């Protein structure tokens, strides 16, 4: 089919305009910005420990409908990120966070779709991600002292005679975080009966050691203390723990 002069002009114009329409990507004057804040929780997400800027977090940008990463940047000291010199079009920004519904802390994609105009600085605002901390990922501590009462071998319960009282050396002490069924950490006392559990996150703790059953039983008797850490950089000292020995 032969095209007339005007039809040929229109076709040429459409093709020229189409060739000038550039896909999403670099070469423009627009940008996408935002800030990422990390909310740190304990292992079951029952307690918020702290919030802080997400530093050196990888942030990705997809151009248009492609699934190939077009650009990647890292967040700065304040958690801020920026993709610059973008052309108008559709973009998807995403980063990875933990899924609070998963016990094994699986990562999932946190994404935002952006329709970017010309000469536009698109601010995504403050974005949040979740992360969990183990009991020993903190900055607080719990300490105490264990003393030992020794009884004379010649005496019997209930008429026991004290031989001496001293600091319990090399005594095993156990720490339990929250409602855990088993102890999380075990340490020994020093020469002066002192012990200290370090690097703890806020929460409820149980500290215990074992004492001999001076009534004649064969089971060891637990001596228990509880402690609550309410903030970072906190030191909690429990009352002196007394164990007995025949």
Protein backbone atom coordinates (compact mmCIF):
# COMPACT_ATOMS: atom_id res chain seq x y z
CA UNK A 1 0.00 0.00 0.00
CA UNK A 2 1.38 3.37 -1.06
CA UNK A 3 1.25 6.13 1.59
CA UNK A 4 0.49 9.71 0.70
CA UNK A 5 2.77 12.55 1.70
CA UNK A 6 0.75 13.56 4.80
CA UNK A 7 0.37 9.95 6.01
CA UNK A 8 4.07 9.39 5.60
CA UNK A 9 4.75 12.56 7.61
CA UNK A 10 2.50 11.35 10.48
CA UNK A 11 4.15 7.94 10.54
CA UNK A 12 7.58 9.53 10.60
CA UNK A 13 6.49 11.85 13.45
CA UNK A 14 5.08 8.98 15.55
CA UNK A 15 8.27 6.98 15.08
CA UNK A 16 10.37 9.97 16.04
CA UNK A 17 8.35 10.64 19.17
CA UNK A 18 8.43 6.95 20.12
CA UNK A 19 12.18 6.87 19.73
CA UNK A 20 12.46 9.84 22.12
CA UNK A 21 10.48 8.13 24.89
CA UNK A 22 13.16 6.58 27.07
CA UNK A 23 12.44 3.78 29.55
CA UNK A 24 12.92 4.10 33.28
CA UNK A 25 16.49 4.44 34.43
CA UNK A 26 19.30 6.95 34.58
CA UNK A 27 19.56 10.16 32.66
CA UNK A 28 16.90 12.23 34.36
CA UNK A 29 16.58 14.85 37.06
CA UNK A 30 14.41 13.02 39.59
CA UNK A 31 15.24 11.02 42.70
CA UNK A 32 13.80 8.55 45.22
CA UNK A 33 14.76 9.03 48.87
CA UNK A 34 13.92 7.57 52.24
CA UNK A 35 15.14 6.51 55.67
CA UNK A 36 15.12 3.02 57.20
CA UNK A 37 14.74 2.47 60.93
CA UNK A 38 15.36 -0.94 62.52
CA UNK A 39 13.07 -2.10 65.33
CA UNK A 40 14.91 -4.67 67.44
CA UNK A 41 12.79 -7.24 69.30
CA UNK A 42 13.51 -10.23 71.47
CA UNK A 43 13.36 -13.66 69.89
CA UNK A 44 9.56 -14.04 69.95
CA UNK A 45 8.76 -10.39 69.17
CA UNK A 46 7.04 -10.00 72.55
CA UNK A 47 9.23 -7.08 73.62
CA UNK A 48 10.62 -4.11 71.70
CA UNK A 49 14.24 -3.72 72.79
CA UNK A 50 15.24 -0.58 70.88
CA UNK A 51 14.95 1.33 67.61
CA UNK A 52 17.92 2.66 65.67
CA UNK A 53 18.82 3.83 62.15
CA UNK A 54 19.56 0.96 59.78
CA UNK A 55 23.20 1.61 58.88
CA UNK A 56 24.86 0.03 55.82
CA UNK A 57 21.59 -1.58 54.81
CA UNK A 58 21.37 -2.70 51.16
CA UNK A 59 18.52 -1.00 49.26
CA UNK A 60 17.59 -2.07 45.72
CA UNK A 61 15.80 -0.36 42.84
CA UNK A 62 14.00 -2.00 39.91
CA UNK A 63 13.43 -0.05 36.72
CA UNK A 64 9.95 -0.42 35.20
CA UNK A 65 8.62 -3.98 34.97
CA UNK A 66 12.00 -5.66 34.94
CA UNK A 67 12.95 -8.06 37.71
CA UNK A 68 16.63 -7.32 37.26
CA UNK A 69 18.10 -5.00 39.89
CA UNK A 70 18.78 -1.63 38.29
CA UNK A 71 20.70 -0.10 41.16
CA UNK A 72 21.79 -0.81 44.73
CA UNK A 73 22.82 1.66 47.42
CA UNK A 74 23.62 1.47 51.13
CA UNK A 75 22.01 3.48 53.87
CA UNK A 76 24.16 6.06 55.62
CA UNK A 77 24.81 6.67 59.34
CA UNK A 78 21.28 8.01 59.85
CA UNK A 79 19.62 5.25 57.84
CA UNK A 80 19.03 7.50 54.81
CA UNK A 81 19.31 6.38 51.18
CA UNK A 82 18.89 8.06 47.79
CA UNK A 83 18.60 7.00 44.15
CA UNK A 84 19.41 10.00 41.95
CA UNK A 85 19.34 11.12 38.30
CA UNK A 86 16.30 9.05 37.39
CA UNK A 87 13.99 9.52 34.42
CA UNK A 88 10.19 9.68 34.88
CA UNK A 89 8.49 6.31 35.09
CA UNK A 90 7.64 3.46 37.41
CA UNK A 91 10.11 2.08 39.92
CA UNK A 92 10.15 -0.45 42.74
CA UNK A 93 12.36 0.12 45.78
CA UNK A 94 12.92 -2.78 48.16
CA UNK A 95 15.07 -4.06 51.02
CA UNK A 96 15.07 -7.18 53.18
CA UNK A 97 13.66 -7.57 56.68
CA UNK A 98 12.73 -10.34 59.08
CA UNK A 99 9.25 -11.82 59.07
CA UNK A 100 7.76 -11.57 62.58
CA UNK A 101 5.35 -14.42 61.82
CA UNK A 102 8.18 -16.90 61.29
CA UNK A 103 9.87 -18.58 64.24
CA UNK A 104 13.07 -19.22 62.30
CA UNK A 105 13.43 -15.54 61.33
CA UNK A 106 13.00 -15.87 57.58
CA UNK A 107 13.71 -12.78 55.50
CA UNK A 108 11.11 -11.22 53.30
CA UNK A 109 10.97 -8.35 50.81
CA UNK A 110 9.79 -4.93 51.99
CA UNK A 111 8.91 -3.01 48.82
CA UNK A 112 7.43 0.29 47.68
CA UNK A 113 6.22 1.16 44.18
CA UNK A 114 6.93 4.69 42.96
CA UNK A 115 5.48 6.51 39.97
CA UNK A 116 8.09 9.17 39.37
CA UNK A 117 7.49 12.41 37.55
CA UNK A 118 9.89 14.79 35.90
CA UNK A 119 12.14 16.87 38.18
CA UNK A 120 10.59 15.14 41.22
CA UNK A 121 12.26 14.29 44.51
CA UNK A 122 10.06 11.47 45.77
CA UNK A 123 10.38 11.02 49.55
CA UNK A 124 9.29 7.62 50.86
CA UNK A 125 9.59 8.91 54.42
CA UNK A 126 10.59 6.65 57.29
CA UNK A 127 10.46 2.93 56.58
CA UNK A 128 10.76 0.25 59.25
CA UNK A 129 12.28 -3.18 59.32
CA UNK A 130 12.23 -5.80 62.08
CA UNK A 131 15.14 -7.71 63.51
CA UNK A 132 15.50 -10.00 66.51
CA UNK A 133 18.18 -10.14 69.17
CA UNK A 134 19.39 -13.10 71.19
CA UNK A 135 19.49 -12.73 74.97
CA UNK A 136 23.24 -12.01 74.81
CA UNK A 137 23.13 -9.39 72.05
CA UNK A 138 22.74 -6.52 74.51
CA UNK A 139 24.85 -4.23 76.65
CA UNK A 140 23.56 -4.90 80.19
CA UNK A 141 24.72 -7.28 82.91
CA UNK A 142 23.64 -9.16 86.04
CA UNK A 143 26.05 -9.96 88.86
CA UNK A 144 26.08 -11.35 92.36
CA UNK A 145 28.04 -13.15 95.04
CA UNK A 146 27.69 -16.69 96.35
CA UNK A 147 28.72 -17.60 99.87
CA UNK A 148 29.23 -21.07 101.29
CA UNK A 149 28.34 -22.23 104.80
CA UNK A 150 30.34 -25.28 105.85
CA UNK A 151 29.07 -27.41 108.73
CA UNK A 152 31.12 -29.66 110.96
CA UNK A 153 31.10 -33.29 109.90
CA UNK A 154 30.51 -34.31 113.51
CA UNK A 155 27.18 -32.48 113.63
CA UNK A 156 23.92 -33.76 112.20
CA UNK A 157 20.69 -32.15 111.09
CA UNK A 158 18.85 -30.43 112.73
CA UNK A 159 21.61 -29.80 115.27
CA UNK A 160 24.22 -28.52 112.88
CA UNK A 161 27.31 -26.60 113.93
CA UNK A 162 28.86 -24.10 111.56
CA UNK A 163 32.48 -24.79 110.75
CA UNK A 164 33.08 -21.66 108.68
CA UNK A 165 31.59 -19.34 106.09
CA UNK A 166 33.51 -18.48 102.95
CA UNK A 167 33.09 -17.31 99.38
CA UNK A 168 32.02 -20.11 97.06
CA UNK A 169 34.81 -20.57 94.53
CA UNK A 170 34.30 -22.24 91.14
CA UNK A 171 30.61 -22.59 91.89
CA UNK A 172 28.45 -23.11 88.80
CA UNK A 173 25.79 -20.44 88.23
CA UNK A 174 23.06 -20.62 85.60
CA UNK A 175 21.10 -17.99 83.67
CA UNK A 176 17.65 -18.40 82.11
CA UNK A 177 16.11 -15.77 79.84
CA UNK A 178 12.34 -15.29 79.94
CA UNK A 179 10.33 -18.50 79.87
CA UNK A 180 13.03 -20.73 78.42
CA UNK A 181 12.81 -24.31 79.60
CA UNK A 182 16.58 -24.78 79.78
CA UNK A 183 19.35 -22.52 80.97
CA UNK A 184 20.92 -20.21 78.41
CA UNK A 185 24.33 -19.73 79.99
CA UNK A 186 26.48 -21.31 82.69
CA UNK A 187 29.52 -19.69 84.32
CA UNK A 188 31.59 -20.22 87.47
CA UNK A 189 32.28 -17.90 90.37
CA UNK A 190 35.72 -16.40 90.86
CA UNK A 191 37.89 -16.64 93.99
CA UNK A 192 35.70 -14.12 95.83
CA UNK A 193 32.40 -15.79 94.96
CA UNK A 194 31.63 -13.18 92.30
CA UNK A 195 29.83 -13.92 89.05
CA UNK A 196 28.61 -11.72 86.20
CA UNK A 197 26.51 -12.43 83.13
CA UNK A 198 27.29 -9.88 80.43
CA UNK A 199 25.91 -8.59 77.11
CA UNK A 200 22.27 -9.04 78.09
CA UNK A 201 19.22 -7.48 76.45
CA UNK A 202 16.30 -6.04 78.47
CA UNK A 203 13.95 -8.65 79.87
CA UNK A 204 13.23 -11.02 82.76
CA UNK A 205 15.98 -13.34 83.96
CA UNK A 206 16.30 -16.19 86.43
CA UNK A 207 19.66 -16.91 88.08
CA UNK A 208 20.21 -20.08 90.05
CA UNK A 209 22.82 -22.32 91.61
CA UNK A 210 22.64 -25.52 93.67
CA UNK A 211 23.15 -26.17 97.35
CA UNK A 212 23.61 -29.46 99.18
CA UNK A 213 20.53 -30.79 100.99
CA UNK A 214 21.69 -30.57 104.60
CA UNK A 215 18.60 -32.43 105.82
CA UNK A 216 20.08 -35.64 104.50
CA UNK A 217 18.38 -35.86 101.13
CA UNK A 218 20.25 -36.79 97.98
CA UNK A 219 18.78 -34.08 95.72
CA UNK A 220 20.53 -30.76 95.29
CA UNK A 221 18.50 -27.72 96.34
CA UNK A 222 18.23 -24.82 93.86
CA UNK A 223 18.94 -21.32 95.17
CA UNK A 224 17.12 -18.88 92.90
CA UNK A 225 17.18 -15.16 92.21
CA UNK A 226 15.27 -13.16 89.61
CA UNK A 227 16.33 -9.95 87.89
CA UNK A 228 14.73 -7.50 85.49
CA UNK A 229 16.67 -5.45 82.98
CA UNK A 230 14.64 -2.50 81.74
CA UNK A 231 17.10 -0.64 79.52
CA UNK A 232 20.45 -0.81 77.76
CA UNK A 233 23.73 -0.35 79.63
CA UNK A 234 22.09 -1.36 82.91
CA UNK A 235 23.79 -3.32 85.66
CA UNK A 236 21.66 -5.35 88.08
CA UNK A 237 23.10 -6.89 91.22
CA UNK A 238 21.15 -9.69 92.89
CA UNK A 239 21.19 -10.32 96.63
CA UNK A 240 23.85 -12.65 97.99
CA UNK A 241 23.14 -16.32 97.33
CA UNK A 242 23.88 -18.70 100.22
CA UNK A 243 24.66 -22.36 99.67
CA UNK A 244 25.34 -24.99 102.36
CA UNK A 245 27.60 -27.98 102.62
CA UNK A 246 28.12 -30.72 105.17
